[in-house]
Each structure stands twice: as C-alpha cells, then as structure tokens.
C-alpha cells in the first residue's frame, strides 16, 4: 500500500459506482498514492477493476447513511495525525 500516511475513504451508491471506477481508472496514479478505505461493495469493485489494495469497512447495503458518515468521521479523526496537539497521540 503506497502512501500509508494519506487515507481516502470511498463510498459510492451502487448506481454511481461505475462512474467512481471510471474516474479512478483515469487518475489511478493519484489514488494509488493513498491508503484506501471503502464499503465492501465499493472496495471489491476497486480491487477488481484497478488492482488497488482496499480495506473494507462495512457493507453499504446493510448500513444506513448516518452510520456510514459517523463511522467515516470517526475513522478520519483516528487516522489524522495530531498536529500541534501534544495531549493527543496520532493513531493509525
């Protein structure tokens, strides 16, 4: 996994998944520089179509959007380095 210090969380509605994959194919070098996290369905499509490593977080079909947003927000905070915050350690 390239760019372990940079993380991108990807969630796509099933009707928009082909558009996301198309975008990622056209800019593969950009996305390859990130640690990729995604819903199971999105992650499977990215791995299959682009051959990039993706960490699958949860199934989008079994998770409502509020839960997905809350989880991604929490993950984003946990993955973000604690710059200028000596009272908080960065976790990855």
N, C-alpha and C. Protein backbone atom coordinates (compact mmCIF):
# COMPACT_ATOMS: atom_id res chain seq x y z
N UNK A 1 0.85 -1.17 0.00
CA UNK A 1 0.00 0.00 0.00
C UNK A 1 0.90 1.23 0.00
N UNK A 2 0.78 2.01 -1.03
CA UNK A 2 1.56 3.24 -1.13
C UNK A 2 0.91 4.33 -0.28
N UNK A 3 1.69 5.27 0.16
CA UNK A 3 1.15 6.43 0.85
C UNK A 3 0.42 6.11 2.13
N UNK A 4 1.01 5.29 2.97
CA UNK A 4 0.34 4.87 4.20
C UNK A 4 -0.02 6.06 5.08
N UNK A 5 0.60 7.22 4.86
CA UNK A 5 0.29 8.39 5.66
C UNK A 5 -0.94 9.15 5.20
N UNK A 6 -1.41 8.87 3.98
CA UNK A 6 -2.59 9.54 3.44
C UNK A 6 -3.70 8.52 3.27
N UNK A 7 -4.89 8.86 3.74
CA UNK A 7 -6.01 7.93 3.68
C UNK A 7 -7.17 8.58 2.95
N UNK A 8 -7.85 7.80 2.14
CA UNK A 8 -9.03 8.25 1.42
C UNK A 8 -10.13 7.23 1.67
N UNK A 9 -11.29 7.72 2.10
CA UNK A 9 -12.44 6.85 2.36
C UNK A 9 -13.40 6.99 1.19
N UNK A 10 -13.75 5.86 0.58
CA UNK A 10 -14.60 5.87 -0.61
C UNK A 10 -15.92 5.17 -0.35
N UNK A 11 -17.02 5.87 -0.63
CA UNK A 11 -18.35 5.30 -0.52
C UNK A 11 -19.10 5.73 -1.77
N UNK A 12 -19.67 4.78 -2.50
CA UNK A 12 -20.42 5.11 -3.72
C UNK A 12 -21.75 4.38 -3.72
N UNK A 13 -22.80 5.09 -4.11
CA UNK A 13 -24.09 4.45 -4.32
C UNK A 13 -23.92 3.48 -5.48
N UNK A 14 -24.61 2.35 -5.43
CA UNK A 14 -24.41 1.33 -6.47
C UNK A 14 -24.63 1.86 -7.88
N UNK A 15 -25.51 2.85 -8.07
CA UNK A 15 -25.72 3.41 -9.40
C UNK A 15 -24.57 4.31 -9.83
N UNK A 16 -23.80 4.83 -8.86
CA UNK A 16 -22.68 5.72 -9.16
C UNK A 16 -21.33 5.01 -9.16
N UNK A 17 -21.33 3.75 -8.76
CA UNK A 17 -20.07 3.01 -8.67
C UNK A 17 -19.32 2.95 -10.00
N UNK A 18 -19.99 2.70 -11.13
CA UNK A 18 -19.25 2.70 -12.40
C UNK A 18 -18.56 4.05 -12.69
N UNK A 19 -19.20 5.15 -12.30
CA UNK A 19 -18.59 6.47 -12.51
C UNK A 19 -17.36 6.65 -11.63
N UNK A 20 -17.43 6.17 -10.38
CA UNK A 20 -16.28 6.26 -9.49
C UNK A 20 -15.12 5.43 -10.04
N UNK A 21 -15.41 4.21 -10.48
CA UNK A 21 -14.36 3.35 -11.03
C UNK A 21 -13.75 4.00 -12.27
N UNK A 22 -14.58 4.59 -13.13
CA UNK A 22 -14.08 5.25 -14.34
C UNK A 22 -13.13 6.40 -13.96
N UNK A 23 -13.54 7.22 -12.99
CA UNK A 23 -12.70 8.32 -12.52
C UNK A 23 -11.38 7.78 -11.96
N UNK A 24 -11.47 6.75 -11.16
CA UNK A 24 -10.27 6.19 -10.54
C UNK A 24 -9.33 5.60 -11.59
N UNK A 25 -9.89 4.98 -12.63
CA UNK A 25 -9.05 4.44 -13.70
C UNK A 25 -8.30 5.56 -14.41
N UNK A 26 -8.99 6.68 -14.64
CA UNK A 26 -8.35 7.79 -15.36
C UNK A 26 -7.29 8.49 -14.52
N UNK A 27 -7.37 8.35 -13.21
CA UNK A 27 -6.43 9.01 -12.30
C UNK A 27 -5.81 7.99 -11.33
N UNK A 28 -5.57 6.78 -11.83
CA UNK A 28 -5.09 5.69 -10.97
C UNK A 28 -3.86 6.08 -10.17
N UNK A 29 -2.94 6.80 -10.80
CA UNK A 29 -1.70 7.20 -10.12
C UNK A 29 -1.98 8.06 -8.89
N UNK A 30 -3.04 8.84 -8.92
CA UNK A 30 -3.41 9.67 -7.77
C UNK A 30 -3.93 8.77 -6.64
N UNK A 31 -4.88 7.89 -6.96
CA UNK A 31 -5.49 7.04 -5.95
C UNK A 31 -4.51 6.01 -5.40
N UNK A 32 -3.54 5.60 -6.22
CA UNK A 32 -2.54 4.62 -5.77
C UNK A 32 -1.65 5.18 -4.67
N UNK A 33 -1.62 6.50 -4.53
CA UNK A 33 -0.78 7.14 -3.51
C UNK A 33 -1.45 7.17 -2.14
N UNK A 34 -2.70 6.71 -2.05
CA UNK A 34 -3.46 6.77 -0.81
C UNK A 34 -3.71 5.39 -0.23
N UNK A 35 -3.89 5.35 1.08
CA UNK A 35 -4.43 4.17 1.74
C UNK A 35 -5.93 4.27 1.50
N UNK A 36 -6.53 3.26 0.89
CA UNK A 36 -7.94 3.32 0.52
C UNK A 36 -8.80 2.52 1.49
N UNK A 37 -9.84 3.15 1.97
CA UNK A 37 -10.85 2.50 2.81
C UNK A 37 -12.16 2.65 2.06
N UNK A 38 -13.01 1.62 2.09
CA UNK A 38 -14.26 1.68 1.35
C UNK A 38 -15.28 0.71 1.93
N UNK A 39 -16.53 0.90 1.51
CA UNK A 39 -17.55 -0.09 1.82
C UNK A 39 -17.17 -1.38 1.09
N UNK A 40 -17.74 -2.48 1.50
CA UNK A 40 -17.39 -3.77 0.90
C UNK A 40 -17.62 -3.77 -0.61
N UNK A 41 -18.79 -3.31 -1.05
CA UNK A 41 -19.12 -3.34 -2.47
C UNK A 41 -18.20 -2.42 -3.28
N UNK A 42 -17.96 -1.23 -2.78
CA UNK A 42 -17.08 -0.29 -3.47
C UNK A 42 -15.65 -0.82 -3.49
N UNK A 43 -15.19 -1.34 -2.37
CA UNK A 43 -13.84 -1.88 -2.28
C UNK A 43 -13.61 -3.05 -3.22
N UNK A 44 -14.60 -3.94 -3.31
CA UNK A 44 -14.48 -5.09 -4.21
C UNK A 44 -14.36 -4.63 -5.66
N UNK A 45 -15.16 -3.64 -6.06
CA UNK A 45 -15.11 -3.14 -7.43
C UNK A 45 -13.77 -2.48 -7.74
N UNK A 46 -13.25 -1.72 -6.79
CA UNK A 46 -11.95 -1.04 -6.99
C UNK A 46 -10.83 -2.08 -7.11
N UNK A 47 -10.85 -3.06 -6.23
CA UNK A 47 -9.82 -4.11 -6.29
C UNK A 47 -9.90 -4.87 -7.61
N UNK A 48 -11.11 -5.22 -8.02
CA UNK A 48 -11.30 -6.00 -9.24
C UNK A 48 -10.91 -5.20 -10.49
N UNK A 49 -11.35 -3.95 -10.56
CA UNK A 49 -11.16 -3.14 -11.76
C UNK A 49 -9.79 -2.45 -11.85
N UNK A 50 -9.21 -2.10 -10.68
CA UNK A 50 -7.96 -1.35 -10.69
C UNK A 50 -6.79 -2.10 -10.09
N UNK A 51 -7.07 -3.17 -9.35
CA UNK A 51 -5.99 -3.92 -8.72
C UNK A 51 -5.34 -3.20 -7.55
N UNK A 52 -6.04 -2.22 -6.98
CA UNK A 52 -5.52 -1.49 -5.83
C UNK A 52 -5.96 -2.18 -4.54
N UNK A 53 -5.14 -2.09 -3.51
CA UNK A 53 -5.48 -2.66 -2.21
C UNK A 53 -6.47 -1.74 -1.50
N UNK A 54 -7.56 -2.33 -1.00
CA UNK A 54 -8.61 -1.55 -0.31
C UNK A 54 -8.96 -2.25 0.99
N UNK A 55 -9.05 -1.50 2.07
CA UNK A 55 -9.54 -2.02 3.34
C UNK A 55 -11.05 -1.87 3.35
N UNK A 56 -11.76 -2.98 3.53
CA UNK A 56 -13.23 -2.98 3.52
C UNK A 56 -13.72 -2.70 4.94
N UNK A 57 -14.54 -1.67 5.08
CA UNK A 57 -15.01 -1.27 6.41
C UNK A 57 -16.33 -1.90 6.80
N UNK A 58 -17.31 -1.89 5.91
CA UNK A 58 -18.64 -2.38 6.20
C UNK A 58 -19.39 -2.49 4.89
N UNK A 59 -20.51 -3.18 4.91
CA UNK A 59 -21.34 -3.27 3.71
C UNK A 59 -22.24 -2.06 3.64
N UNK A 60 -22.24 -1.38 2.53
CA UNK A 60 -23.11 -0.22 2.34
C UNK A 60 -24.57 -0.62 2.29
N UNK A 61 -24.85 -1.85 1.87
CA UNK A 61 -26.24 -2.32 1.77
C UNK A 61 -26.87 -2.52 3.15
N UNK A 62 -26.06 -2.85 4.12
CA UNK A 62 -26.59 -3.15 5.45
C UNK A 62 -26.38 -2.01 6.44
N UNK A 63 -25.93 -0.87 5.96
CA UNK A 63 -25.62 0.24 6.84
C UNK A 63 -26.35 1.48 6.35
N UNK A 64 -27.04 2.16 7.25
CA UNK A 64 -27.69 3.38 6.80
C UNK A 64 -26.66 4.50 6.69
N UNK A 65 -27.00 5.55 5.99
CA UNK A 65 -26.05 6.62 5.69
C UNK A 65 -25.56 7.33 6.96
N UNK A 66 -26.41 7.49 7.95
CA UNK A 66 -25.99 8.15 9.19
C UNK A 66 -24.88 7.36 9.85
N UNK A 67 -25.03 6.05 9.91
CA UNK A 67 -24.00 5.20 10.49
C UNK A 67 -22.71 5.28 9.68
N UNK A 68 -22.84 5.26 8.36
CA UNK A 68 -21.66 5.33 7.49
C UNK A 68 -20.91 6.65 7.68
N UNK A 69 -21.64 7.75 7.74
CA UNK A 69 -21.00 9.05 7.92
C UNK A 69 -20.34 9.13 9.29
N UNK A 70 -21.03 8.66 10.32
CA UNK A 70 -20.46 8.69 11.66
C UNK A 70 -19.18 7.86 11.73
N UNK A 71 -19.20 6.68 11.13
CA UNK A 71 -18.02 5.82 11.15
C UNK A 71 -16.86 6.45 10.39
N UNK A 72 -17.14 6.99 9.21
CA UNK A 72 -16.06 7.59 8.43
C UNK A 72 -15.51 8.83 9.12
N UNK A 73 -16.37 9.59 9.78
CA UNK A 73 -15.89 10.75 10.54
C UNK A 73 -14.98 10.29 11.68
N UNK A 74 -15.41 9.26 12.40
CA UNK A 74 -14.61 8.73 13.50
C UNK A 74 -13.28 8.20 12.97
N UNK A 75 -13.33 7.43 11.87
CA UNK A 75 -12.09 6.90 11.29
C UNK A 75 -11.18 8.03 10.85
N UNK A 76 -11.74 9.05 10.24
CA UNK A 76 -10.94 10.19 9.80
C UNK A 76 -10.23 10.85 10.95
N UNK A 77 -10.90 10.99 12.08
CA UNK A 77 -10.27 11.59 13.25
C UNK A 77 -9.18 10.67 13.80
N UNK A 78 -9.40 9.37 13.78
CA UNK A 78 -8.42 8.42 14.31
C UNK A 78 -7.20 8.32 13.40
N UNK A 79 -7.38 8.51 12.10
CA UNK A 79 -6.29 8.36 11.15
C UNK A 79 -5.50 9.64 10.96
N UNK A 80 -6.07 10.75 11.39
CA UNK A 80 -5.43 12.05 11.22
C UNK A 80 -4.34 12.24 12.26
N UNK A 81 -3.16 12.70 11.85
CA UNK A 81 -2.12 12.95 12.84
C UNK A 81 -2.52 14.11 13.76
N UNK A 82 -2.15 14.01 14.98
CA UNK A 82 -2.49 15.04 15.96
C UNK A 82 -1.46 16.16 15.90
N UNK A 83 -1.52 16.95 14.85
CA UNK A 83 -0.56 18.04 14.65
C UNK A 83 -0.85 19.16 15.64
N UNK A 84 0.18 19.56 16.37
CA UNK A 84 0.02 20.67 17.31
C UNK A 84 -0.83 20.34 18.52
N UNK A 85 -1.10 19.06 18.75
CA UNK A 85 -1.90 18.65 19.90
C UNK A 85 -1.11 17.68 20.74
N UNK A 86 -0.21 18.17 21.62
CA UNK A 86 0.62 17.26 22.40
C UNK A 86 -0.19 16.37 23.34
N UNK A 87 -1.45 16.77 23.61
CA UNK A 87 -2.28 15.98 24.51
C UNK A 87 -2.92 14.79 23.80
N UNK A 88 -2.78 14.74 22.45
CA UNK A 88 -3.37 13.63 21.69
C UNK A 88 -2.31 12.97 20.84
N UNK A 89 -2.27 11.66 20.88
CA UNK A 89 -1.32 10.92 20.04
C UNK A 89 -2.04 10.49 18.77
N UNK A 90 -1.34 10.52 17.66
CA UNK A 90 -1.91 10.05 16.39
C UNK A 90 -2.00 8.53 16.43
N UNK A 91 -3.08 7.99 15.91
CA UNK A 91 -3.23 6.55 15.80
C UNK A 91 -3.50 6.21 14.35
N UNK A 92 -3.01 5.08 13.93
CA UNK A 92 -3.23 4.65 12.54
C UNK A 92 -3.71 3.24 12.50
